[in-house]
Amino acid sequence: MPIVLRYKGYSFFFFSNEGNPIEPLHIHVRKGDAIAKFWIKPAVGVAHSHGLNSNELTELLGIVEENKKLIERSWHEYFGD
């Protein structure tokens, strides 16, 4: 489970197995029992979440948007596509 970045106790990561065929570019975010999945392409957006309120999701969406290039680069380096 490669962690791409950490922010205020949140871990932004990929699962080692993202499906077969691999799902479109996305990032998972976890803090404790709370988790969310954000699509990166075609546009940054929330795929689903559990245990996060709207303020947290809005903040995390901004962090994902700010780090979109890092996430994309890390995805391609890890999955080789």
PDB file of N, CA and C in Angstrom:
ATOM      1  N   MET A   1       0.845  -1.170   0.000  1.00  0.00           N
ATOM      2  CA  MET A   1       0.000   0.000   0.000  1.00  0.00           C
ATOM      3  C   MET A   1       0.894   1.238   0.000  1.00  0.00           C
ATOM      4  N   PRO A   2       1.252   1.745  -1.163  1.00  0.00           N
ATOM      5  CA  PRO A   2       2.131   2.916  -1.237  1.00  0.00           C
ATOM      6  C   PRO A   2       1.424   4.195  -0.770  1.00  0.00           C
ATOM      7  N   ILE A   3       2.016   4.856   0.221  1.00  0.00           N
ATOM      8  CA  ILE A   3       1.483   6.134   0.702  1.00  0.00           C
ATOM      9  C   ILE A   3       2.144   7.248  -0.088  1.00  0.00           C
ATOM     10  N   VAL A   4       1.311   8.092  -0.695  1.00  0.00           N
ATOM     11  CA  VAL A   4       1.794   9.178  -1.544  1.00  0.00           C
ATOM     12  C   VAL A   4       2.089  10.417  -0.710  1.00  0.00           C
ATOM     13  N   LEU A   5       1.228  10.732   0.260  1.00  0.00           N
ATOM     14  CA  LEU A   5       1.463  11.879   1.118  1.00  0.00           C
ATOM     15  C   LEU A   5       0.656  11.743   2.398  1.00  0.00           C
ATOM     16  N   ARG A   6       1.035  12.554   3.378  1.00  0.00           N
ATOM     17  CA  ARG A   6       0.319  12.620   4.654  1.00  0.00           C
ATOM     18  C   ARG A   6      -0.020  14.084   4.917  1.00  0.00           C
ATOM     19  N   TYR A   7      -1.204  14.278   5.523  1.00  0.00           N
ATOM     20  CA  TYR A   7      -1.682  15.639   5.799  1.00  0.00           C
ATOM     21  C   TYR A   7      -2.606  15.569   7.011  1.00  0.00           C
ATOM     22  N   LYS A   8      -2.250  16.273   8.080  1.00  0.00           N
ATOM     23  CA  LYS A   8      -3.075  16.369   9.286  1.00  0.00           C
ATOM     24  C   LYS A   8      -3.587  15.003   9.770  1.00  0.00           C
ATOM     25  N   GLY A   9      -2.747  14.009   9.720  1.00  0.00           N
ATOM     26  CA  GLY A   9      -3.133  12.680  10.175  1.00  0.00           C
ATOM     27  C   GLY A   9      -3.804  11.815   9.125  1.00  0.00           C
ATOM     28  N   TYR A  10      -4.077  12.373   7.953  1.00  0.00           N
ATOM     29  CA  TYR A  10      -4.655  11.619   6.837  1.00  0.00           C
ATOM     30  C   TYR A  10      -3.530  11.006   6.012  1.00  0.00           C
ATOM     31  N   SER A  11      -3.728   9.786   5.563  1.00  0.00           N
ATOM     32  CA  SER A  11      -2.800   9.137   4.642  1.00  0.00           C
ATOM     33  C   SER A  11      -3.463   9.057   3.273  1.00  0.00           C
ATOM     34  N   PHE A  12      -2.746   9.464   2.247  1.00  0.00           N
ATOM     35  CA  PHE A  12      -3.210   9.405   0.865  1.00  0.00           C
ATOM     36  C   PHE A  12      -2.435   8.273   0.202  1.00  0.00           C
ATOM     37  N   PHE A  13      -3.146   7.275  -0.314  1.00  0.00           N
ATOM     38  CA  PHE A  13      -2.463   6.063  -0.758  1.00  0.00           C
ATOM     39  C   PHE A  13      -3.196   5.360  -1.894  1.00  0.00           C
ATOM     40  N   PHE A  14      -2.474   4.401  -2.483  1.00  0.00           N
ATOM     41  CA  PHE A  14      -3.043   3.462  -3.450  1.00  0.00           C
ATOM     42  C   PHE A  14      -3.035   2.088  -2.795  1.00  0.00           C
ATOM     43  N   PHE A  15      -3.952   1.246  -3.177  1.00  0.00           N
ATOM     44  CA  PHE A  15      -3.850  -0.163  -2.818  1.00  0.00           C
ATOM     45  C   PHE A  15      -2.904  -0.802  -3.825  1.00  0.00           C
ATOM     46  N   SER A  16      -2.180  -1.810  -3.402  1.00  0.00           N
ATOM     47  CA  SER A  16      -1.252  -2.493  -4.306  1.00  0.00           C
ATOM     48  C   SER A  16      -1.969  -3.157  -5.459  1.00  0.00           C
ATOM     49  N   ASN A  17      -3.199  -3.608  -5.231  1.00  0.00           N
ATOM     50  CA  ASN A  17      -4.007  -4.226  -6.275  1.00  0.00           C
ATOM     51  C   ASN A  17      -5.221  -3.340  -6.506  1.00  0.00           C
ATOM     52  N   GLU A  18      -5.220  -2.584  -7.560  1.00  0.00           N
ATOM     53  CA  GLU A  18      -6.319  -1.666  -7.866  1.00  0.00           C
ATOM     54  C   GLU A  18      -7.245  -2.225  -8.946  1.00  0.00           C
ATOM     55  N   GLY A  19      -7.396  -3.541  -8.967  1.00  0.00           N
ATOM     56  CA  GLY A  19      -8.330  -4.173  -9.891  1.00  0.00           C
ATOM     57  C   GLY A  19      -7.647  -4.738 -11.111  1.00  0.00           C
ATOM     58  N   ASN A  20      -8.383  -5.580 -11.815  1.00  0.00           N
ATOM     59  CA  ASN A  20      -7.887  -6.172 -13.050  1.00  0.00           C
ATOM     60  C   ASN A  20      -9.043  -6.248 -14.032  1.00  0.00           C
ATOM     61  N   PRO A  21      -9.132  -5.367 -15.006  1.00  0.00           N
ATOM     62  CA  PRO A  21      -8.134  -4.330 -15.306  1.00  0.00           C
ATOM     63  C   PRO A  21      -8.104  -3.253 -14.226  1.00  0.00           C
ATOM     64  N   ILE A  22      -6.995  -2.556 -14.180  1.00  0.00           N
ATOM     65  CA  ILE A  22      -6.790  -1.526 -13.175  1.00  0.00           C
ATOM     66  C   ILE A  22      -7.847  -0.429 -13.314  1.00  0.00           C
ATOM     67  N   GLU A  23      -8.355   0.054 -12.182  1.00  0.00           N
ATOM     68  CA  GLU A  23      -9.340   1.132 -12.190  1.00  0.00           C
ATOM     69  C   GLU A  23      -8.697   2.423 -12.701  1.00  0.00           C
ATOM     70  N   PRO A  24      -9.521   3.386 -13.125  1.00  0.00           N
ATOM     71  CA  PRO A  24      -8.972   4.690 -13.524  1.00  0.00           C
ATOM     72  C   PRO A  24      -8.238   5.360 -12.357  1.00  0.00           C
ATOM     73  N   LEU A  25      -7.403   6.294 -12.685  1.00  0.00           N
ATOM     74  CA  LEU A  25      -6.567   7.013 -11.724  1.00  0.00           C
ATOM     75  C   LEU A  25      -7.394   7.571 -10.558  1.00  0.00           C
ATOM     76  N   HIS A  26      -7.001   7.200  -9.339  1.00  0.00           N
ATOM     77  CA  HIS A  26      -7.679   7.657  -8.129  1.00  0.00           C
ATOM     78  C   HIS A  26      -6.738   7.531  -6.938  1.00  0.00           C
ATOM     79  N   ILE A  27      -7.173   8.096  -5.803  1.00  0.00           N
ATOM     80  CA  ILE A  27      -6.402   8.032  -4.560  1.00  0.00           C
ATOM     81  C   ILE A  27      -7.361   7.735  -3.411  1.00  0.00           C
ATOM     82  N   HIS A  28      -6.894   6.944  -2.452  1.00  0.00           N
ATOM     83  CA  HIS A  28      -7.652   6.664  -1.239  1.00  0.00           C
ATOM     84  C   HIS A  28      -7.092   7.536  -0.125  1.00  0.00           C
ATOM     85  N   VAL A  29      -7.964   7.926   0.804  1.00  0.00           N
ATOM     86  CA  VAL A  29      -7.548   8.744   1.946  1.00  0.00           C
ATOM     87  C   VAL A  29      -8.137   8.105   3.200  1.00  0.00           C
ATOM     88  N   ARG A  30      -7.290   7.964   4.223  1.00  0.00           N
ATOM     89  CA  ARG A  30      -7.756   7.344   5.471  1.00  0.00           C
ATOM     90  C   ARG A  30      -7.202   8.095   6.668  1.00  0.00           C
ATOM     91  N   LYS A  31      -8.049   8.188   7.680  1.00  0.00           N
ATOM     92  CA  LYS A  31      -7.644   8.679   8.996  1.00  0.00           C
ATOM     93  C   LYS A  31      -8.481   7.902   9.998  1.00  0.00           C
ATOM     94  N   GLY A  32      -7.854   7.037  10.766  1.00  0.00           N
ATOM     95  CA  GLY A  32      -8.605   6.182  11.684  1.00  0.00           C
ATOM     96  C   GLY A  32      -9.544   5.279  10.904  1.00  0.00           C
ATOM     97  N   ASP A  33     -10.807   5.282  11.286  1.00  0.00           N
ATOM     98  CA  ASP A  33     -11.813   4.470  10.593  1.00  0.00           C
ATOM     99  C   ASP A  33     -12.452   5.193   9.415  1.00  0.00           C
ATOM    100  N   ALA A  34     -12.164   6.474   9.255  1.00  0.00           N
ATOM    101  CA  ALA A  34     -12.737   7.257   8.153  1.00  0.00           C
ATOM    102  C   ALA A  34     -11.930   7.014   6.873  1.00  0.00           C
ATOM    103  N   ILE A  35     -12.647   6.871   5.764  1.00  0.00           N
ATOM    104  CA  ILE A  35     -11.979   6.608   4.486  1.00  0.00           C
ATOM    105  C   ILE A  35     -12.755   7.254   3.349  1.00  0.00           C
ATOM    106  N   ALA A  36     -12.028   7.633   2.316  1.00  0.00           N
ATOM    107  CA  ALA A  36     -12.649   8.195   1.116  1.00  0.00           C
ATOM    108  C   ALA A  36     -11.829   7.783  -0.099  1.00  0.00           C
ATOM    109  N   LYS A  37     -12.461   7.856  -1.236  1.00  0.00           N
ATOM    110  CA  LYS A  37     -11.797   7.595  -2.515  1.00  0.00           C
ATOM    111  C   LYS A  37     -12.092   8.780  -3.417  1.00  0.00           C
ATOM    112  N   PHE A  38     -11.042   9.313  -4.030  1.00  0.00           N
ATOM    113  CA  PHE A  38     -11.176  10.468  -4.913  1.00  0.00           C
ATOM    114  C   PHE A  38     -10.707  10.095  -6.312  1.00  0.00           C
ATOM    115  N   TRP A  39     -11.543  10.347  -7.288  1.00  0.00           N
ATOM    116  CA  TRP A  39     -11.121  10.208  -8.686  1.00  0.00           C
ATOM    117  C   TRP A  39     -10.193  11.362  -9.010  1.00  0.00           C
ATOM    118  N   ILE A  40      -9.202  11.119  -9.845  1.00  0.00           N
ATOM    119  CA  ILE A  40      -8.281  12.165 -10.286  1.00  0.00           C
ATOM    120  C   ILE A  40      -8.617  12.577 -11.711  1.00  0.00           C
ATOM    121  N   LYS A  41      -8.953  11.605 -12.537  1.00  0.00           N
ATOM    122  CA  LYS A  41      -9.310  11.877 -13.929  1.00  0.00           C
ATOM    123  C   LYS A  41     -10.636  11.232 -14.242  1.00  0.00           C
ATOM    124  N   PRO A  42     -11.463  11.807 -15.060  1.00  0.00           N
ATOM    125  CA  PRO A  42     -11.200  12.989 -15.875  1.00  0.00           C
ATOM    126  C   PRO A  42     -11.200  14.298 -15.085  1.00  0.00           C
ATOM    127  N   ALA A  43     -11.838  14.309 -13.896  1.00  0.00           N
ATOM    128  CA  ALA A  43     -11.821  15.496 -13.049  1.00  0.00           C
ATOM    129  C   ALA A  43     -11.728  15.033 -11.598  1.00  0.00           C
ATOM    130  N   VAL A  44     -11.118  15.845 -10.750  1.00  0.00           N
ATOM    131  CA  VAL A  44     -11.012  15.505  -9.337  1.00  0.00           C
ATOM    132  C   VAL A  44     -12.405  15.540  -8.724  1.00  0.00           C
ATOM    133  N   GLY A  45     -12.762  14.469  -8.018  1.00  0.00           N
ATOM    134  CA  GLY A  45     -14.067  14.398  -7.374  1.00  0.00           C
ATOM    135  C   GLY A  45     -14.120  13.244  -6.398  1.00  0.00           C
ATOM    136  N   VAL A  46     -15.107  13.289  -5.516  1.00  0.00           N
ATOM    137  CA  VAL A  46     -15.282  12.240  -4.512  1.00  0.00           C
ATOM    138  C   VAL A  46     -15.981  11.050  -5.159  1.00  0.00           C
ATOM    139  N   ALA A  47     -15.366   9.884  -5.069  1.00  0.00           N
ATOM    140  CA  ALA A  47     -15.987   8.652  -5.558  1.00  0.00           C
ATOM    141  C   ALA A  47     -16.932   8.116  -4.489  1.00  0.00           C
ATOM    142  N   HIS A  48     -16.435   8.019  -3.252  1.00  0.00           N
ATOM    143  CA  HIS A  48     -17.261   7.625  -2.112  1.00  0.00           C
ATOM    144  C   HIS A  48     -16.502   7.928  -0.828  1.00  0.00           C
ATOM    145  N   SER A  49     -17.228   7.949   0.275  1.00  0.00           N
ATOM    146  CA  SER A  49     -16.584   8.197   1.564  1.00  0.00           C
ATOM    147  C   SER A  49     -17.403   7.557   2.683  1.00  0.00           C
ATOM    148  N   HIS A  50     -16.747   7.354   3.804  1.00  0.00           N
ATOM    149  CA  HIS A  50     -17.394   6.814   4.994  1.00  0.00           C
ATOM    150  C   HIS A  50     -16.722   7.430   6.219  1.00  0.00           C
ATOM    151  N   GLY A  51     -17.513   8.052   7.069  1.00  0.00           N
ATOM    152  CA  GLY A  51     -16.983   8.590   8.308  1.00  0.00           C
ATOM    153  C   GLY A  51     -16.378   9.976   8.218  1.00  0.00           C
ATOM    154  N   LEU A  52     -16.542  10.642   7.093  1.00  0.00           N
ATOM    155  CA  LEU A  52     -16.037  12.003   6.914  1.00  0.00           C
ATOM    156  C   LEU A  52     -17.204  12.952   6.696  1.00  0.00           C
ATOM    157  N   ASN A  53     -17.139  14.132   7.319  1.00  0.00           N
ATOM    158  CA  ASN A  53     -18.213  15.097   7.105  1.00  0.00           C
ATOM    159  C   ASN A  53     -17.904  15.967   5.882  1.00  0.00           C
ATOM    160  N   SER A  54     -18.856  16.799   5.512  1.00  0.00           N
ATOM    161  CA  SER A  54     -18.703  17.594   4.280  1.00  0.00           C
ATOM    162  C   SER A  54     -17.534  18.569   4.360  1.00  0.00           C
ATOM    163  N   ASN A  55     -17.266  19.129   5.533  1.00  0.00           N
ATOM    164  CA  ASN A  55     -16.120  20.044   5.671  1.00  0.00           C
ATOM    165  C   ASN A  55     -14.806  19.303   5.450  1.00  0.00           C
ATOM    166  N   GLU A  56     -14.698  18.102   6.007  1.00  0.00           N
ATOM    167  CA  GLU A  56     -13.491  17.302   5.814  1.00  0.00           C
ATOM    168  C   GLU A  56     -13.317  16.926   4.348  1.00  0.00           C
ATOM    169  N   LEU A  57     -14.405  16.516   3.708  1.00  0.00           N
ATOM    170  CA  LEU A  57     -14.320  16.140   2.292  1.00  0.00           C
ATOM    171  C   LEU A  57     -13.918  17.324   1.424  1.00  0.00           C
ATOM    172  N   THR A  58     -14.451  18.490   1.739  1.00  0.00           N
ATOM    173  CA  THR A  58     -14.093  19.696   0.977  1.00  0.00           C
ATOM    174  C   THR A  58     -12.616  20.015   1.146  1.00  0.00           C
ATOM    175  N   GLU A  59     -12.121  19.923   2.384  1.00  0.00           N
ATOM    176  CA  GLU A  59     -10.699  20.182   2.639  1.00  0.00           C
ATOM    177  C   GLU A  59      -9.831  19.154   1.910  1.00  0.00           C
ATOM    178  N   LEU A  60     -10.199  17.887   2.001  1.00  0.00           N
ATOM    179  CA  LEU A  60      -9.423  16.829   1.359  1.00  0.00           C
ATOM    180  C   LEU A  60      -9.462  16.954  -0.156  1.00  0.00           C
ATOM    181  N   LEU A  61     -10.600  17.342  -0.688  1.00  0.00           N
ATOM    182  CA  LEU A  61     -10.713  17.562  -2.133  1.00  0.00           C
ATOM    183  C   LEU A  61      -9.719  18.627  -2.582  1.00  0.00           C
ATOM    184  N   GLY A  62      -9.579  19.691  -1.788  1.00  0.00           N
ATOM    185  CA  GLY A  62      -8.596  20.731  -2.094  1.00  0.00           C
ATOM    186  C   GLY A  62      -7.167  20.205  -2.050  1.00  0.00           C
ATOM    187  N   ILE A  63      -6.866  19.356  -1.077  1.00  0.00           N
ATOM    188  CA  ILE A  63      -5.522  18.781  -0.968  1.00  0.00           C
ATOM    189  C   ILE A  63      -5.244  17.873  -2.163  1.00  0.00           C
ATOM    190  N   VAL A  64      -6.236  17.085  -2.559  1.00  0.00           N
ATOM    191  CA  VAL A  64      -6.072  16.227  -3.734  1.00  0.00           C
ATOM    192  C   VAL A  64      -5.820  17.085  -4.971  1.00  0.00           C
ATOM    193  N   GLU A  65      -6.605  18.138  -5.130  1.00  0.00           N
ATOM    194  CA  GLU A  65      -6.443  19.030  -6.287  1.00  0.00           C
ATOM    195  C   GLU A  65      -5.051  19.663  -6.284  1.00  0.00           C
ATOM    196  N   GLU A  66      -4.592  20.137  -5.127  1.00  0.00           N
ATOM    197  CA  GLU A  66      -3.269  20.765  -5.017  1.00  0.00           C
ATOM    198  C   GLU A  66      -2.134  19.783  -5.327  1.00  0.00           C
ATOM    199  N   ASN A  67      -2.358  18.516  -5.062  1.00  0.00           N
ATOM    200  CA  ASN A  67      -1.320  17.497  -5.240  1.00  0.00           C
ATOM    201  C   ASN A  67      -1.594  16.568  -6.410  1.00  0.00           C
ATOM    202  N   LYS A  68      -2.431  17.005  -7.320  1.00  0.00           N
ATOM    203  CA  LYS A  68      -2.837  16.179  -8.458  1.00  0.00           C
ATOM    204  C   LYS A  68      -1.632  15.676  -9.264  1.00  0.00           C
ATOM    205  N   LYS A  69      -0.675  16.535  -9.538  1.00  0.00           N
ATOM    206  CA  LYS A  69       0.497  16.125 -10.328  1.00  0.00           C
ATOM    207  C   LYS A  69       1.327  15.083  -9.589  1.00  0.00           C
ATOM    208  N   LEU A  70       1.516  15.265  -8.286  1.00  0.00           N
ATOM    209  CA  LEU A  70       2.246  14.290  -7.476  1.00  0.00           C
ATOM    210  C   LEU A  70       1.518  12.940  -7.486  1.00  0.00           C
ATOM    211  N   ILE A  71       0.211  12.970  -7.325  1.00  0.00           N
ATOM    212  CA  ILE A  71      -0.588  11.742  -7.319  1.00  0.00           C
ATOM    213  C   ILE A  71      -0.486  11.036  -8.665  1.00  0.00           C
ATOM    214  N   GLU A  72      -0.647  11.790  -9.741  1.00  0.00           N
ATOM    215  CA  GLU A  72      -0.550  11.203 -11.088  1.00  0.00           C
ATOM    216  C   GLU A  72       0.828  10.594 -11.319  1.00  0.00           C
ATOM    217  N   ARG A  73       1.877  11.320 -10.975  1.00  0.00           N
ATOM    218  CA  ARG A  73       3.241  10.828 -11.175  1.00  0.00           C
ATOM    219  C   ARG A  73       3.481   9.554 -10.354  1.00  0.00           C
ATOM    220  N   SER A  74       3.042   9.573  -9.106  1.00  0.00           N
ATOM    221  CA  SER A  74       3.220   8.409  -8.229  1.00  0.00           C
ATOM    222  C   SER A  74       2.449   7.203  -8.749  1.00  0.00           C
ATOM    223  N   TRP A  75       1.241   7.420  -9.252  1.00  0.00           N
ATOM    224  CA  TRP A  75       0.426   6.342  -9.824  1.00  0.00           C
ATOM    225  C   TRP A  75       1.149   5.688 -10.994  1.00  0.00           C
ATOM    226  N   HIS A  76       1.621   6.524 -11.920  1.00  0.00           N
ATOM    227  CA  HIS A  76       2.298   5.994 -13.115  1.00  0.00           C
ATOM    228  C   HIS A  76       3.607   5.300 -12.772  1.00  0.00           C
ATOM    229  N   GLU A  77       4.338   5.831 -11.803  1.00  0.00           N
ATOM    230  CA  GLU A  77       5.581   5.179 -11.382  1.00  0.00           C
ATOM    231  C   GLU A  77       5.286   3.829 -10.735  1.00  0.00           C
ATOM    232  N   TYR A  78       4.242   3.755  -9.931  1.00  0.00           N
ATOM    233  CA  TYR A  78       3.941   2.511  -9.221  1.00  0.00           C
ATOM    234  C   TYR A  78       3.314   1.454 -10.129  1.00  0.00           C
ATOM    235  N   PHE A  79       2.323   1.869 -10.925  1.00  0.00           N
ATOM    236  CA  PHE A  79       1.600   0.905 -11.751  1.00  0.00           C
ATOM    237  C   PHE A  79       2.182   0.752 -13.155  1.00  0.00           C
ATOM    238  N   GLY A  80       3.103   1.648 -13.524  1.00  0.00           N
ATOM    239  CA  GLY A  80       3.790   1.512 -14.788  1.00  0.00           C
ATOM    240  C   GLY A  80       2.939   1.721 -16.022  1.00  0.00           C
ATOM    241  N   ASP A  81       1.916   2.542 -15.887  1.00  0.00           N
ATOM    242  CA  ASP A  81       1.099   2.825 -17.095  1.00  0.00           C
ATOM    243  C   ASP A  81       1.116   4.286 -17.428  1.00  0.00           C
TER     244      ASP A  81
END
